[in-house]
Amino acid sequence: PLSDYLKDFSCGITVGENYTEEFLKNHYRKLLSDEKIFGID
């Protein structure tokens, strides 16, 4: 049911790329803070 919302977190990520820790934190911060999905931030 959240597929449209989740698509945003797939954009800009490619398997085989070496991403910095800071890039990944910035990219996934909104999703991983979503208490509706994970129950906690």
Full PDB file with SEQRES, HELIX, SHEET, SSBOND, CRYST1, ORIGX, SCALE, CONECT and MASTER records, all heavy atoms in Angstrom:
SEQRES   1 A   41  PRO LEU SER ASP TYR LEU LYS ASP PHE SER CYS GLY ILE          
SEQRES   2 A   41  THR VAL GLY GLU ASN TYR THR GLU GLU PHE LEU LYS ASN          
SEQRES   3 A   41  HIS TYR ARG LYS LEU LEU SER ASP GLU LYS ILE PHE GLY          
SEQRES   4 A   41  ILE ASP                                                      
HELIX    1 AA1 SER A    3  LYS A    7  1                                   5    
HELIX    2 AA2 GLU A   21  LEU A   32  1                                  12    
HELIX    3 AA3 GLU A   35  PHE A   38  1                                   4    
CRYST1    1.000    1.000    1.000  90.00  90.00  90.00 P 1           1          
ORIGX1      1.000000  0.000000  0.000000        0.00000                         
ORIGX2      0.000000  1.000000  0.000000        0.00000                         
ORIGX3      0.000000  0.000000  1.000000        0.00000                         
SCALE1      1.000000  0.000000  0.000000        0.00000                         
SCALE2      0.000000  1.000000  0.000000        0.00000                         
SCALE3      0.000000  0.000000  1.000000        0.00000                         
ATOM      1  N   PRO A   1       0.807  -1.223   0.000  1.00  0.00           N  
ATOM      2  CA  PRO A   1       0.000   0.000   0.000  1.00  0.00           C  
ATOM      3  C   PRO A   1       0.844   1.279   0.000  1.00  0.00           C  
ATOM      4  O   PRO A   1       0.353   2.343  -0.354  1.00  0.00           O  
ATOM      5  CB  PRO A   1      -0.853  -0.110   1.263  1.00  0.00           C  
ATOM      6  CG  PRO A   1      -0.171  -1.119   2.109  1.00  0.00           C  
ATOM      7  CD  PRO A   1       0.568  -2.032   1.192  1.00  0.00           C  
ATOM      8  N   LEU A   2       2.113   1.181   0.352  1.00  0.00           N  
ATOM      9  CA  LEU A   2       2.993   2.353   0.362  1.00  0.00           C  
ATOM     10  C   LEU A   2       3.953   2.363  -0.819  1.00  0.00           C  
ATOM     11  O   LEU A   2       4.963   3.070  -0.791  1.00  0.00           O  
ATOM     12  CB  LEU A   2       3.781   2.410   1.676  1.00  0.00           C  
ATOM     13  CG  LEU A   2       2.963   2.601   2.954  1.00  0.00           C  
ATOM     14  CD1 LEU A   2       3.880   2.658   4.168  1.00  0.00           C  
ATOM     15  CD2 LEU A   2       2.091   3.846   2.875  1.00  0.00           C  
ATOM     16  N   SER A   3       3.649   1.603  -1.858  1.00  0.00           N  
ATOM     17  CA  SER A   3       4.600   1.466  -2.967  1.00  0.00           C  
ATOM     18  C   SER A   3       4.974   2.813  -3.599  1.00  0.00           C  
ATOM     19  O   SER A   3       6.140   3.025  -3.934  1.00  0.00           O  
ATOM     20  CB  SER A   3       4.081   0.494  -4.025  1.00  0.00           C  
ATOM     21  OG  SER A   3       2.869   0.947  -4.565  1.00  0.00           O  
ATOM     22  N   ASP A   4       4.029   3.730  -3.744  1.00  0.00           N  
ATOM     23  CA  ASP A   4       4.361   5.036  -4.332  1.00  0.00           C  
ATOM     24  C   ASP A   4       5.338   5.798  -3.445  1.00  0.00           C  
ATOM     25  O   ASP A   4       6.303   6.384  -3.931  1.00  0.00           O  
ATOM     26  CB  ASP A   4       3.104   5.870  -4.566  1.00  0.00           C  
ATOM     27  CG  ASP A   4       2.263   5.332  -5.716  1.00  0.00           C  
ATOM     28  OD1 ASP A   4       2.811   4.594  -6.556  1.00  0.00           O  
ATOM     29  OD2 ASP A   4       1.063   5.648  -5.764  1.00  0.00           O  
ATOM     30  N   TYR A   5       5.106   5.790  -2.157  1.00  0.00           N  
ATOM     31  CA  TYR A   5       5.990   6.444  -1.190  1.00  0.00           C  
ATOM     32  C   TYR A   5       7.372   5.785  -1.194  1.00  0.00           C  
ATOM     33  O   TYR A   5       8.397   6.465  -1.182  1.00  0.00           O  
ATOM     34  CB  TYR A   5       5.347   6.367   0.193  1.00  0.00           C  
ATOM     35  CG  TYR A   5       6.208   6.782   1.354  1.00  0.00           C  
ATOM     36  CD1 TYR A   5       6.585   8.113   1.534  1.00  0.00           C  
ATOM     37  CD2 TYR A   5       6.627   5.853   2.302  1.00  0.00           C  
ATOM     38  CE1 TYR A   5       7.354   8.507   2.619  1.00  0.00           C  
ATOM     39  CE2 TYR A   5       7.394   6.233   3.390  1.00  0.00           C  
ATOM     40  CZ  TYR A   5       7.755   7.558   3.541  1.00  0.00           C  
ATOM     41  OH  TYR A   5       8.517   7.939   4.621  1.00  0.00           O  
ATOM     42  N   LEU A   6       7.419   4.481  -1.253  1.00  0.00           N  
ATOM     43  CA  LEU A   6       8.684   3.742  -1.168  1.00  0.00           C  
ATOM     44  C   LEU A   6       9.549   3.909  -2.416  1.00  0.00           C  
ATOM     45  O   LEU A   6      10.772   3.795  -2.343  1.00  0.00           O  
ATOM     46  CB  LEU A   6       8.408   2.263  -0.901  1.00  0.00           C  
ATOM     47  CG  LEU A   6       7.734   1.964   0.440  1.00  0.00           C  
ATOM     48  CD1 LEU A   6       7.302   0.505   0.511  1.00  0.00           C  
ATOM     49  CD2 LEU A   6       8.623   2.343   1.604  1.00  0.00           C  
ATOM     50  N   LYS A   7       8.912   4.185  -3.575  1.00  0.00           N  
ATOM     51  CA  LYS A   7       9.677   4.377  -4.819  1.00  0.00           C  
ATOM     52  C   LYS A   7      10.704   5.487  -4.685  1.00  0.00           C  
ATOM     53  O   LYS A   7      11.774   5.424  -5.292  1.00  0.00           O  
ATOM     54  CB  LYS A   7       8.732   4.682  -5.986  1.00  0.00           C  
ATOM     55  CG  LYS A   7       8.003   3.491  -6.503  1.00  0.00           C  
ATOM     56  CD  LYS A   7       7.081   3.894  -7.646  1.00  0.00           C  
ATOM     57  CE  LYS A   7       6.164   2.750  -7.990  1.00  0.00           C  
ATOM     58  NZ  LYS A   7       5.169   3.142  -8.992  1.00  0.00           N  
ATOM     59  N   ASP A   8      10.383   6.509  -3.915  1.00  0.00           N  
ATOM     60  CA  ASP A   8      11.313   7.634  -3.736  1.00  0.00           C  
ATOM     61  C   ASP A   8      12.655   7.184  -3.168  1.00  0.00           C  
ATOM     62  O   ASP A   8      13.676   7.798  -3.432  1.00  0.00           O  
ATOM     63  CB  ASP A   8      10.715   8.688  -2.797  1.00  0.00           C  
ATOM     64  CG  ASP A   8       9.525   9.406  -3.409  1.00  0.00           C  
ATOM     65  OD1 ASP A   8       9.359   9.344  -4.640  1.00  0.00           O  
ATOM     66  OD2 ASP A   8       8.766  10.023  -2.647  1.00  0.00           O  
ATOM     67  N   PHE A   9      12.644   6.125  -2.393  1.00  0.00           N  
ATOM     68  CA  PHE A   9      13.875   5.678  -1.737  1.00  0.00           C  
ATOM     69  C   PHE A   9      14.691   4.733  -2.611  1.00  0.00           C  
ATOM     70  O   PHE A   9      15.808   4.377  -2.267  1.00  0.00           O  
ATOM     71  CB  PHE A   9      13.543   5.051  -0.380  1.00  0.00           C  
ATOM     72  CG  PHE A   9      12.844   6.026   0.511  1.00  0.00           C  
ATOM     73  CD1 PHE A   9      11.473   5.985   0.667  1.00  0.00           C  
ATOM     74  CD2 PHE A   9      13.556   7.030   1.144  1.00  0.00           C  
ATOM     75  CE1 PHE A   9      10.817   6.917   1.464  1.00  0.00           C  
ATOM     76  CE2 PHE A   9      12.912   7.966   1.938  1.00  0.00           C  
ATOM     77  CZ  PHE A   9      11.536   7.913   2.099  1.00  0.00           C  
ATOM     78  N   SER A  10      14.135   4.341  -3.733  1.00  0.00           N  
ATOM     79  CA  SER A  10      14.873   3.532  -4.704  1.00  0.00           C  
ATOM     80  C   SER A  10      15.597   4.410  -5.711  1.00  0.00           C  
ATOM     81  O   SER A  10      16.609   4.010  -6.271  1.00  0.00           O  
ATOM     82  CB  SER A  10      13.924   2.586  -5.439  1.00  0.00           C  
ATOM     83  OG  SER A  10      13.295   1.727  -4.527  1.00  0.00           O  
ATOM     84  N   CYS A  11      15.060   5.599  -5.928  1.00  0.00           N  
ATOM     85  CA  CYS A  11      15.670   6.532  -6.884  1.00  0.00           C  
ATOM     86  C   CYS A  11      17.028   6.986  -6.377  1.00  0.00           C  
ATOM     87  O   CYS A  11      17.185   7.312  -5.210  1.00  0.00           O  
ATOM     88  CB  CYS A  11      14.765   7.747  -7.088  1.00  0.00           C  
ATOM     89  SG  CYS A  11      13.194   7.342  -7.852  1.00  0.00           S  
ATOM     90  N   GLY A  12      17.989   6.970  -7.269  1.00  0.00           N  
ATOM     91  CA  GLY A  12      19.324   7.445  -6.916  1.00  0.00           C  
ATOM     92  C   GLY A  12      20.226   6.404  -6.290  1.00  0.00           C  
ATOM     93  O   GLY A  12      21.358   6.705  -5.933  1.00  0.00           O  
ATOM     94  N   ILE A  13      19.745   5.185  -6.148  1.00  0.00           N  
ATOM     95  CA  ILE A  13      20.555   4.107  -5.579  1.00  0.00           C  
ATOM     96  C   ILE A  13      20.748   3.042  -6.651  1.00  0.00           C  
ATOM     97  O   ILE A  13      19.785   2.553  -7.237  1.00  0.00           O  
ATOM     98  CB  ILE A  13      19.879   3.469  -4.340  1.00  0.00           C  
ATOM     99  CG1 ILE A  13      19.627   4.514  -3.258  1.00  0.00           C  
ATOM    100  CG2 ILE A  13      20.710   2.314  -3.805  1.00  0.00           C  
ATOM    101  CD1 ILE A  13      20.866   5.052  -2.580  1.00  0.00           C  
ATOM    102  N   THR A  14      21.995   2.664  -6.885  1.00  0.00           N  
ATOM    103  CA  THR A  14      22.333   1.662  -7.888  1.00  0.00           C  
ATOM    104  C   THR A  14      23.236   0.613  -7.250  1.00  0.00           C  
ATOM    105  O   THR A  14      24.234   0.961  -6.608  1.00  0.00           O  
ATOM    106  CB  THR A  14      23.082   2.299  -9.079  1.00  0.00           C  
ATOM    107  OG1 THR A  14      22.269   3.356  -9.608  1.00  0.00           O  
ATOM    108  CG2 THR A  14      23.366   1.284 -10.162  1.00  0.00           C  
ATOM    109  N   VAL A  15      22.889  -0.634  -7.434  1.00  0.00           N  
ATOM    110  CA  VAL A  15      23.741  -1.707  -6.925  1.00  0.00           C  
ATOM    111  C   VAL A  15      25.068  -1.655  -7.673  1.00  0.00           C  
ATOM    112  O   VAL A  15      25.110  -1.492  -8.882  1.00  0.00           O  
ATOM    113  CB  VAL A  15      23.069  -3.086  -7.105  1.00  0.00           C  
ATOM    114  CG1 VAL A  15      23.996  -4.200  -6.615  1.00  0.00           C  
ATOM    115  CG2 VAL A  15      21.734  -3.137  -6.379  1.00  0.00           C  
ATOM    116  N   GLY A  16      26.150  -1.757  -6.929  1.00  0.00           N  
ATOM    117  CA  GLY A  16      27.483  -1.698  -7.512  1.00  0.00           C  
ATOM    118  C   GLY A  16      28.181  -0.382  -7.245  1.00  0.00           C  
ATOM    119  O   GLY A  16      29.384  -0.256  -7.437  1.00  0.00           O  
ATOM    120  N   GLU A  17      27.420   0.610  -6.803  1.00  0.00           N  
ATOM    121  CA  GLU A  17      28.003   1.903  -6.451  1.00  0.00           C  
ATOM    122  C   GLU A  17      28.493   1.846  -5.005  1.00  0.00           C  
ATOM    123  O   GLU A  17      27.937   1.138  -4.174  1.00  0.00           O  
ATOM    124  CB  GLU A  17      26.965   3.022  -6.581  1.00  0.00           C  
ATOM    125  CG  GLU A  17      26.521   3.291  -7.987  1.00  0.00           C  
ATOM    126  CD  GLU A  17      27.587   3.961  -8.827  1.00  0.00           C  
ATOM    127  OE1 GLU A  17      28.342   4.796  -8.302  1.00  0.00           O  
ATOM    128  OE2 GLU A  17      27.671   3.624 -10.025  1.00  0.00           O  
ATOM    129  N   ASN A  18      29.503   2.618  -4.723  1.00  0.00           N  
ATOM    130  CA  ASN A  18      30.041   2.689  -3.365  1.00  0.00           C  
ATOM    131  C   ASN A  18      29.589   4.009  -2.749  1.00  0.00           C  
ATOM    132  O   ASN A  18      30.141   5.054  -3.052  1.00  0.00           O  
ATOM    133  CB  ASN A  18      31.573   2.598  -3.406  1.00  0.00           C  
ATOM    134  CG  ASN A  18      32.171   2.461  -2.026  1.00  0.00           C  
ATOM    135  OD1 ASN A  18      31.457   2.217  -1.056  1.00  0.00           O  
ATOM    136  ND2 ASN A  18      33.465   2.629  -1.939  1.00  0.00           N  
ATOM    137  N   TYR A  19      28.563   3.956  -1.905  1.00  0.00           N  
ATOM    138  CA  TYR A  19      27.993   5.157  -1.312  1.00  0.00           C  
ATOM    139  C   TYR A  19      28.642   5.446   0.035  1.00  0.00           C  
ATOM    140  O   TYR A  19      28.932   4.528   0.798  1.00  0.00           O  
ATOM    141  CB  TYR A  19      26.482   4.991  -1.125  1.00  0.00           C  
ATOM    142  CG  TYR A  19      25.756   4.821  -2.432  1.00  0.00           C  
ATOM    143  CD1 TYR A  19      25.353   3.566  -2.870  1.00  0.00           C  
ATOM    144  CD2 TYR A  19      25.504   5.914  -3.243  1.00  0.00           C  
ATOM    145  CE1 TYR A  19      24.693   3.408  -4.073  1.00  0.00           C  
ATOM    146  CE2 TYR A  19      24.846   5.772  -4.455  1.00  0.00           C  
ATOM    147  CZ  TYR A  19      24.453   4.519  -4.862  1.00  0.00           C  
ATOM    148  OH  TYR A  19      23.811   4.374  -6.061  1.00  0.00           O  
ATOM    149  N   THR A  20      28.827   6.725   0.322  1.00  0.00           N  
ATOM    150  CA  THR A  20      29.368   7.100   1.620  1.00  0.00           C  
ATOM    151  C   THR A  20      28.310   6.881   2.692  1.00  0.00           C  
ATOM    152  O   THR A  20      27.100   6.888   2.414  1.00  0.00           O  
ATOM    153  CB  THR A  20      29.810   8.573   1.656  1.00  0.00           C  
ATOM    154  OG1 THR A  20      28.644   9.401   1.508  1.00  0.00           O  
ATOM    155  CG2 THR A  20      30.838   8.871   0.561  1.00  0.00           C  
ATOM    156  N   GLU A  21      28.762   6.725   3.903  1.00  0.00           N  
ATOM    157  CA  GLU A  21      27.858   6.575   5.035  1.00  0.00           C  
ATOM    158  C   GLU A  21      26.936   7.796   5.132  1.00  0.00           C  
ATOM    159  O   GLU A  21      25.736   7.664   5.370  1.00  0.00           O  
ATOM    160  CB  GLU A  21      28.677   6.427   6.320  1.00  0.00           C  
ATOM    161  CG  GLU A  21      27.865   6.288   7.570  1.00  0.00           C  
ATOM    162  CD  GLU A  21      28.739   6.162   8.811  1.00  0.00           C  
ATOM    163  OE1 GLU A  21      29.868   5.641   8.717  1.00  0.00           O  
ATOM    164  OE2 GLU A  21      28.271   6.593   9.872  1.00  0.00           O  
ATOM    165  N   GLU A  22      27.493   8.969   4.915  1.00  0.00           N  
ATOM    166  CA  GLU A  22      26.713  10.203   4.996  1.00  0.00           C  
ATOM    167  C   GLU A  22      25.622  10.244   3.920  1.00  0.00           C  
ATOM    168  O   GLU A  22      24.487  10.651   4.181  1.00  0.00           O  
ATOM    169  CB  GLU A  22      27.632  11.420   4.876  1.00  0.00           C  
ATOM    170  CG  GLU A  22      26.998  12.698   5.359  1.00  0.00           C  
ATOM    171  CD  GLU A  22      26.553  12.654   6.815  1.00  0.00           C  
ATOM    172  OE1 GLU A  22      27.216  12.004   7.643  1.00  0.00           O  
ATOM    173  OE2 GLU A  22      25.503  13.254   7.111  1.00  0.00           O  
ATOM    174  N   PHE A  23      25.948   9.820   2.698  1.00  0.00           N  
ATOM    175  CA  PHE A  23      24.946   9.784   1.632  1.00  0.00           C  
ATOM    176  C   PHE A  23      23.792   8.859   2.011  1.00  0.00           C  
ATOM    177  O   PHE A  23      22.620   9.224   1.874  1.00  0.00           O  
ATOM    178  CB  PHE A  23      25.571   9.330   0.310  1.00  0.00           C  
ATOM    179  CG  PHE A  23      24.544   9.167  -0.785  1.00  0.00           C  
ATOM    180  CD1 PHE A  23      24.173  10.255  -1.557  1.00  0.00           C  
ATOM    181  CD2 PHE A  23      23.931   7.939  -1.020  1.00  0.00           C  
ATOM    182  CE1 PHE A  23      23.196  10.125  -2.555  1.00  0.00           C  
ATOM    183  CE2 PHE A  23      22.965   7.795  -2.002  1.00  0.00           C  
ATOM    184  CZ  PHE A  23      22.599   8.892  -2.768  1.00  0.00           C  
ATOM    185  N   LEU A  24      24.111   7.646   2.480  1.00  0.00           N  
ATOM    186  CA  LEU A  24      23.067   6.692   2.841  1.00  0.00           C  
ATOM    187  C   LEU A  24      22.218   7.223   4.001  1.00  0.00           C  
ATOM    188  O   LEU A  24      20.995   7.062   4.004  1.00  0.00           O  
ATOM    189  CB  LEU A  24      23.669   5.332   3.178  1.00  0.00           C  
ATOM    190  CG  LEU A  24      24.263   4.573   1.994  1.00  0.00           C  
ATOM    191  CD1 LEU A  24      24.927   3.283   2.471  1.00  0.00           C  
ATOM    192  CD2 LEU A  24      23.220   4.279   0.924  1.00  0.00           C  
ATOM    193  N   LYS A  25      22.858   7.855   4.973  1.00  0.00           N  
ATOM    194  CA  LYS A  25      22.102   8.423   6.094  1.00  0.00           C  
ATOM    195  C   LYS A  25      21.119   9.478   5.593  1.00  0.00           C  
ATOM    196  O   LYS A  25      19.947   9.480   5.986  1.00  0.00           O  
ATOM    197  CB  LYS A  25      23.047   9.039   7.129  1.00  0.00           C  
ATOM    198  CG  LYS A  25      23.694   8.036   8.020  1.00  0.00           C  
ATOM    199  CD  LYS A  25      24.531   8.726   9.086  1.00  0.00           C  
ATOM    200  CE  LYS A  25      25.076   7.691  10.033  1.00  0.00           C  
ATOM    201  NZ  LYS A  25      25.769   8.304  11.166  1.00  0.00           N  
ATOM    202  N   ASN A  26      21.585  10.354   4.746  1.00  0.00           N  
ATOM    203  CA  ASN A  26      20.704  11.401   4.220  1.00  0.00           C  
ATOM    204  C   ASN A  26      19.597  10.822   3.346  1.00  0.00           C  
ATOM    205  O   ASN A  26      18.453  11.258   3.410  1.00  0.00           O  
ATOM    206  CB  ASN A  26      21.508  12.433   3.426  1.00  0.00           C  
ATOM    207  CG  ASN A  26      22.370  13.289   4.313  1.00  0.00           C  
ATOM    208  OD1 ASN A  26      22.056  13.513   5.482  1.00  0.00           O  
ATOM    209  ND2 ASN A  26      23.477  13.764   3.778  1.00  0.00           N  
ATOM    210  N   HIS A  27      19.936   9.819   2.546  1.00  0.00           N  
ATOM    211  CA  HIS A  27      18.971   9.230   1.622  1.00  0.00           C  
ATOM    212  C   HIS A  27      17.859   8.468   2.359  1.00  0.00           C  
ATOM    213  O   HIS A  27      16.689   8.537   1.963  1.00  0.00           O  
ATOM    214  CB  HIS A  27      19.687   8.290   0.646  1.00  0.00           C  
ATOM    215  CG  HIS A  27      18.821   7.831  -0.467  1.00  0.00           C  
ATOM    216  ND1 HIS A  27      18.565   8.600  -1.586  1.00  0.00           N  
ATOM    217  CD2 HIS A  27      18.123   6.678  -0.639  1.00  0.00           C  
ATOM    218  CE1 HIS A  27      17.760   7.935  -2.397  1.00  0.00           C  
ATOM    219  NE2 HIS A  27      17.475   6.771  -1.843  1.00  0.00           N  
ATOM    220  N   TYR A  28      18.222   7.740   3.407  1.00  0.00           N  
ATOM    221  CA  TYR A  28      17.256   6.869   4.081  1.00  0.00           C  
ATOM    222  C   TYR A  28      16.736   7.419   5.410  1.00  0.00           C  
ATOM    223  O   TYR A  28      15.916   6.774   6.057  1.00  0.00           O  
ATOM    224  CB  TYR A  28      17.861   5.476   4.290  1.00  0.00           C  
ATOM    225  CG  TYR A  28      17.951   4.696   3.008  1.00  0.00           C  
ATOM    226  CD1 TYR A  28      19.165   4.528   2.351  1.00  0.00           C  
ATOM    227  CD2 TYR A  28      16.809   4.139   2.436  1.00  0.00           C  
ATOM    228  CE1 TYR A  28      19.245   3.817   1.154  1.00  0.00           C  
ATOM    229  CE2 TYR A  28      16.880   3.428   1.248  1.00  0.00           C  
ATOM    230  CZ  TYR A  28      18.089   3.275   0.617  1.00  0.00           C  
ATOM    231  OH  TYR A  28      18.157   2.571  -0.563  1.00  0.00           O  
ATOM    232  N   ARG A  29      17.181   8.593   5.817  1.00  0.00           N  
ATOM    233  CA  ARG A  29      16.767   9.151   7.118  1.00  0.00           C  
ATOM    234  C   ARG A  29      15.241   9.243   7.243  1.00  0.00           C  
ATOM    235  O   ARG A  29      14.663   8.829   8.234  1.00  0.00           O  
ATOM    236  CB  ARG A  29      17.401  10.521   7.339  1.00  0.00           C  
ATOM    237  CG  ARG A  29      17.102  11.120   8.707  1.00  0.00           C  
ATOM    238  CD  ARG A  29      17.854  12.400   8.964  1.00  0.00           C  
ATOM    239  NE  ARG A  29      19.283  12.289   8.750  1.00  0.00           N  
ATOM    240  CZ  ARG A  29      20.149  11.737   9.608  1.00  0.00           C  
ATOM    241  NH1 ARG A  29      19.712  11.236  10.745  1.00  0.00           N  
ATOM    242  NH2 ARG A  29      21.437  11.701   9.329  1.00  0.00           N  
ATOM    243  N   LYS A  30      14.587   9.801   6.231  1.00  0.00           N  
ATOM    244  CA  LYS A  30      13.125   9.973   6.302  1.00  0.00           C  
ATOM    245  C   LYS A  30      12.427   8.613   6.434  1.00  0.00           C  
ATOM    246  O   LYS A  30      11.523   8.448   7.255  1.00  0.00           O  
ATOM    247  CB  LYS A  30      12.622  10.710   5.061  1.00  0.00           C  
ATOM    248  CG  LYS A  30      11.120  10.935   5.069  1.00  0.00           C  
ATOM    249  CD  LYS A  30      10.655  11.673   3.826  1.00  0.00           C  
ATOM    250  CE  LYS A  30       9.151  11.822   3.823  1.00  0.00           C  
ATOM    251  NZ  LYS A  30       8.664  12.426   2.582  1.00  0.00           N  
ATOM    252  N   LEU A  31      12.837   7.648   5.632  1.00  0.00           N  
ATOM    253  CA  LEU A  31      12.189   6.338   5.677  1.00  0.00           C  
ATOM    254  C   LEU A  31      12.437   5.646   7.012  1.00  0.00           C  
ATOM    255  O   LEU A  31      11.509   5.148   7.640  1.00  0.00           O  
ATOM    256  CB  LEU A  31      12.678   5.458   4.527  1.00  0.00           C  
ATOM    257  CG  LEU A  31      12.103   4.044   4.463  1.00  0.00           C  
ATOM    258  CD1 LEU A  31      10.582   4.058   4.378  1.00  0.00           C  
ATOM    259  CD2 LEU A  31      12.694   3.297   3.272  1.00  0.00           C  
ATOM    260  N   LEU A  32      13.678   5.622   7.460  1.00  0.00           N  
ATOM    261  CA  LEU A  32      14.005   4.889   8.687  1.00  0.00           C  
ATOM    262  C   LEU A  32      13.523   5.607   9.954  1.00  0.00           C  
ATOM    263  O   LEU A  32      13.574   5.031  11.039  1.00  0.00           O  
ATOM    264  CB  LEU A  32      15.494   4.590   8.749  1.00  0.00           C  
ATOM    265  CG  LEU A  32      15.957   3.573   7.702  1.00  0.00           C  
ATOM    266  CD1 LEU A  32      17.472   3.459   7.677  1.00  0.00           C  
ATOM    267  CD2 LEU A  32      15.327   2.213   7.942  1.00  0.00           C  
ATOM    268  N   SER A  33      13.042   6.823   9.815  1.00  0.00           N  
ATOM    269  CA  SER A  33      12.447   7.515  10.964  1.00  0.00           C  
ATOM    270  C   SER A  33      10.930   7.339  10.997  1.00  0.00           C  
ATOM    271  O   SER A  33      10.272   7.799  11.923  1.00  0.00           O  
ATOM    272  CB  SER A  33      12.793   9.008  10.937  1.00  0.00           C  
ATOM    273  OG  SER A  33      12.159   9.644   9.853  1.00  0.00           O  
ATOM    274  N   ASP A  34      10.383   6.654  10.016  1.00  0.00           N  
ATOM    275  CA  ASP A  34       8.933   6.504   9.882  1.00  0.00           C  
ATOM    276  C   ASP A  34       8.393   5.485  10.892  1.00  0.00           C  
ATOM    277  O   ASP A  34       8.540   4.273  10.717  1.00  0.00           O  
ATOM    278  CB  ASP A  34       8.586   6.075   8.454  1.00  0.00           C  
ATOM    279  CG  ASP A  34       7.114   6.204   8.147  1.00  0.00           C  
ATOM    280  OD1 ASP A  34       6.283   5.979   9.058  1.00  0.00           O  
ATOM    281  OD2 ASP A  34       6.790   6.530   6.997  1.00  0.00           O  
ATOM    282  N   GLU A  35       7.783   6.005  11.934  1.00  0.00           N  
ATOM    283  CA  GLU A  35       7.269   5.145  13.002  1.00  0.00           C  
ATOM    284  C   GLU A  35       6.067   4.311  12.569  1.00  0.00           C  
ATOM    285  O   GLU A  35       5.779   3.278  13.174  1.00  0.00           O  
ATOM    286  CB  GLU A  35       6.934   5.980  14.238  1.00  0.00           C  
ATOM    287  CG  GLU A  35       8.170   6.591  14.852  1.00  0.00           C  
ATOM    288  CD  GLU A  35       7.904   7.360  16.133  1.00  0.00           C  
ATOM    289  OE1 GLU A  35       6.951   7.012  16.864  1.00  0.00           O  
ATOM    290  OE2 GLU A  35       8.660   8.313  16.396  1.00  0.00           O  
ATOM    291  N   LYS A  36       5.375   4.724  11.526  1.00  0.00           N  
ATOM    292  CA  LYS A  36       4.254   3.922  11.031  1.00  0.00           C  
ATOM    293  C   LYS A  36       4.761   2.623  10.414  1.00  0.00           C  
ATOM    294  O   LYS A  36       4.083   1.607  10.466  1.00  0.00           O  
ATOM    295  CB  LYS A  36       3.441   4.711  10.004  1.00  0.00           C  
ATOM    296  CG  LYS A  36       2.665   5.847  10.607  1.00  0.00           C  
ATOM    297  CD  LYS A  36       1.907   6.609   9.555  1.00  0.00           C  
ATOM    298  CE  LYS A  36       1.215   7.806  10.178  1.00  0.00           C  
ATOM    299  NZ  LYS A  36       0.617   8.681   9.186  1.00  0.00           N  
ATOM    300  N   ILE A  37       5.949   2.662   9.847  1.00  0.00           N  
ATOM    301  CA  ILE A  37       6.515   1.463   9.229  1.00  0.00           C  
ATOM    302  C   ILE A  37       7.294   0.634  10.241  1.00  0.00           C  
ATOM    303  O   ILE A  37       7.144  -0.584  10.298  1.00  0.00           O  
ATOM    304  CB  ILE A  37       7.415   1.836   8.031  1.00  0.00           C  
ATOM    305  CG1 ILE A  37       6.578   2.458   6.920  1.00  0.00           C  
ATOM    306  CG2 ILE A  37       8.168   0.601   7.508  1.00  0.00           C  
ATOM    307  CD1 ILE A  37       7.382   2.965   5.732  1.00  0.00           C  
ATOM    308  N   PHE A  38       8.110   1.283  11.060  1.00  0.00           N  
ATOM    309  CA  PHE A  38       9.026   0.547  11.933  1.00  0.00           C  
ATOM    310  C   PHE A  38       8.609   0.507  13.399  1.00  0.00           C  
ATOM    311  O   PHE A  38       9.229  -0.201  14.189  1.00  0.00           O  
ATOM    312  CB  PHE A  38      10.438   1.140  11.818  1.00  0.00           C  
ATOM    313  CG  PHE A  38      10.999   1.023  10.437  1.00  0.00           C  
ATOM    314  CD1 PHE A  38      10.992   2.108   9.576  1.00  0.00           C  
ATOM    315  CD2 PHE A  38      11.507  -0.181   9.974  1.00  0.00           C  
ATOM    316  CE1 PHE A  38      11.496   1.997   8.283  1.00  0.00           C  
ATOM    317  CE2 PHE A  38      12.000  -0.305   8.687  1.00  0.00           C  
ATOM    318  CZ  PHE A  38      11.995   0.790   7.846  1.00  0.00           C  
ATOM    319  N   GLY A  39       7.592   1.278  13.773  1.00  0.00           N  
ATOM    320  CA  GLY A  39       7.144   1.277  15.162  1.00  0.00           C  
ATOM    321  C   GLY A  39       7.937   2.223  16.044  1.00  0.00           C  
ATOM    322  O   GLY A  39       7.494   2.558  17.138  1.00  0.00           O  
ATOM    323  N   ILE A  40       9.108   2.631  15.596  1.00  0.00           N  
ATOM    324  CA  ILE A  40       9.954   3.589  16.294  1.00  0.00           C  
ATOM    325  C   ILE A  40      10.755   4.365  15.255  1.00  0.00           C  
ATOM    326  O   ILE A  40      10.829   3.956  14.099  1.00  0.00           O  
ATOM    327  CB  ILE A  40      10.933   2.907  17.282  1.00  0.00           C  
ATOM    328  CG1 ILE A  40      11.877   1.958  16.544  1.00  0.00           C  
ATOM    329  CG2 ILE A  40      10.219   2.187  18.393  1.00  0.00           C  
ATOM    330  CD1 ILE A  40      13.031   1.496  17.401  1.00  0.00           C  
ATOM    331  N   ASP A  41      11.359   5.446  15.704  1.00  0.00           N  
ATOM    332  CA  ASP A  41      12.255   6.206  14.844  1.00  0.00           C  
ATOM    333  C   ASP A  41      13.630   5.558  14.939  1.00  0.00           C  
ATOM    334  O   ASP A  41      14.358   5.746  15.915  1.00  0.00           O  
ATOM    335  CB  ASP A  41      12.296   7.669  15.305  1.00  0.00           C  
ATOM    336  CG  ASP A  41      13.212   8.540  14.474  1.00  0.00           C  
ATOM    337  OD1 ASP A  41      14.025   7.997  13.688  1.00  0.00           O  
ATOM    338  OD2 ASP A  41      13.131   9.770  14.622  1.00  0.00           O  
TER     339      ASP A  41                                                      
MASTER        0    0    0    3    0    0    0    6  338    1    0    4          
END                                                                             
